[in-house]
Amino acid sequence: MGISIWQLLIILVIVLLLFGTKKLRSIGSDLGGAVRGFRDSVTDKDKDKETEAKPVENKLSHDEAERVIDGEVTKQENEKVR
């Protein structure tokens, strides 16, 4: 005792007559946008949790690590003082 394919087609025709194709298209696009926004917010929260869980690594290359800013004490100068 379920809904047959003919009953579904009759319901679809009645809905099309009541709302029209333009209205149904706008409702469908609004619903799709809402679902897409929900998915994006869920995946953003998952990405935020992953970045919070992982410690930040120092990814400086050897050249960048050796650069000296004016007035900054280098590791070598710091070791000479000790």
Protein backbone atom coordinates (compact mmCIF):
# COMPACT_ATOMS: atom_id res chain seq x y z
CA MET A 1 0.00 0.00 0.00
CA GLY A 2 2.43 2.62 -1.17
CA ILE A 3 2.29 5.52 -3.53
CA SER A 4 2.38 4.44 -7.15
CA ILE A 5 4.23 6.24 -9.92
CA TRP A 6 0.91 7.52 -11.34
CA GLN A 7 -0.04 9.15 -8.05
CA LEU A 8 3.36 10.87 -7.89
CA LEU A 9 2.94 12.19 -11.45
CA ILE A 10 -0.52 13.56 -10.64
CA ILE A 11 0.87 15.33 -7.54
CA LEU A 12 3.72 16.76 -9.62
CA VAL A 13 1.31 18.14 -12.22
CA ILE A 14 -0.85 19.76 -9.54
CA VAL A 15 2.21 21.37 -7.90
CA LEU A 16 3.39 22.70 -11.28
CA LEU A 17 -0.04 24.19 -11.95
CA LEU A 18 -0.24 25.83 -8.53
CA PHE A 19 3.25 27.34 -8.33
CA GLY A 20 4.52 27.54 -11.89
CA THR A 21 7.96 26.63 -13.14
CA LYS A 22 9.62 29.96 -12.29
CA LYS A 23 8.53 29.83 -8.67
CA LEU A 24 9.62 26.20 -8.33
CA ARG A 25 12.99 27.01 -9.91
CA SER A 26 13.58 29.85 -7.45
CA ILE A 27 12.54 27.67 -4.51
CA GLY A 28 14.91 24.94 -5.72
CA SER A 29 17.83 27.32 -6.12
CA ASP A 30 17.19 28.84 -2.67
CA LEU A 31 17.05 25.39 -1.12
CA GLY A 32 20.24 24.36 -2.94
CA GLY A 33 22.03 27.50 -1.75
CA ALA A 34 20.99 26.81 1.82
CA VAL A 35 22.25 23.23 1.64
CA ARG A 36 25.52 24.39 0.07
CA GLY A 37 26.00 27.01 2.79
CA PHE A 38 25.36 24.41 5.47
CA ARG A 39 27.93 22.04 3.94
CA ASP A 40 30.50 24.82 3.69
CA SER A 41 30.04 25.83 7.31
CA VAL A 42 30.37 22.22 8.47
CA THR A 43 33.55 21.66 6.46
CA ASP A 44 34.99 25.00 7.65
CA LYS A 45 34.45 23.95 11.27
CA ASP A 46 36.19 20.64 10.57
CA LYS A 47 39.15 22.46 9.01
CA ASP A 48 39.33 24.85 11.98
CA LYS A 49 39.44 21.90 14.39
CA GLU A 50 42.25 20.29 12.37
CA THR A 51 44.34 23.46 12.36
CA GLU A 52 43.82 23.97 16.10
CA ALA A 53 44.87 20.39 16.83
CA LYS A 54 48.10 20.56 14.82
CA PRO A 55 51.00 22.59 16.22
CA VAL A 56 52.38 25.28 13.99
CA GLU A 57 55.66 24.18 12.46
CA ASN A 58 58.51 26.49 11.66
CA LYS A 59 58.82 26.13 7.88
CA LEU A 60 61.62 28.61 7.29
CA SER A 61 64.27 27.59 4.83
CA HIS A 62 67.92 27.68 5.82
CA ASP A 63 68.43 31.02 4.01
CA GLU A 64 65.44 32.62 5.72
CA ALA A 65 66.60 31.37 9.12
CA GLU A 66 70.04 32.98 8.60
CA ARG A 67 68.75 36.44 7.69
CA VAL A 68 69.55 39.10 10.24
CA ILE A 69 67.46 42.17 10.92
CA ASP A 70 69.35 45.35 11.84
CA GLY A 71 69.90 45.44 15.56
CA GLU A 72 69.02 41.78 16.03
CA VAL A 73 71.44 39.52 17.85
CA THR A 74 72.34 36.41 15.90
CA LYS A 75 72.76 32.98 17.45
CA GLN A 76 76.51 33.15 16.90
CA GLU A 77 76.85 36.53 18.64
CA ASN A 78 74.66 35.31 21.47
CA GLU A 79 76.93 32.27 21.96
CA LYS A 80 80.06 34.49 21.99
CA VAL A 81 78.62 36.54 24.85
CA ARG A 82 78.00 33.46 26.99
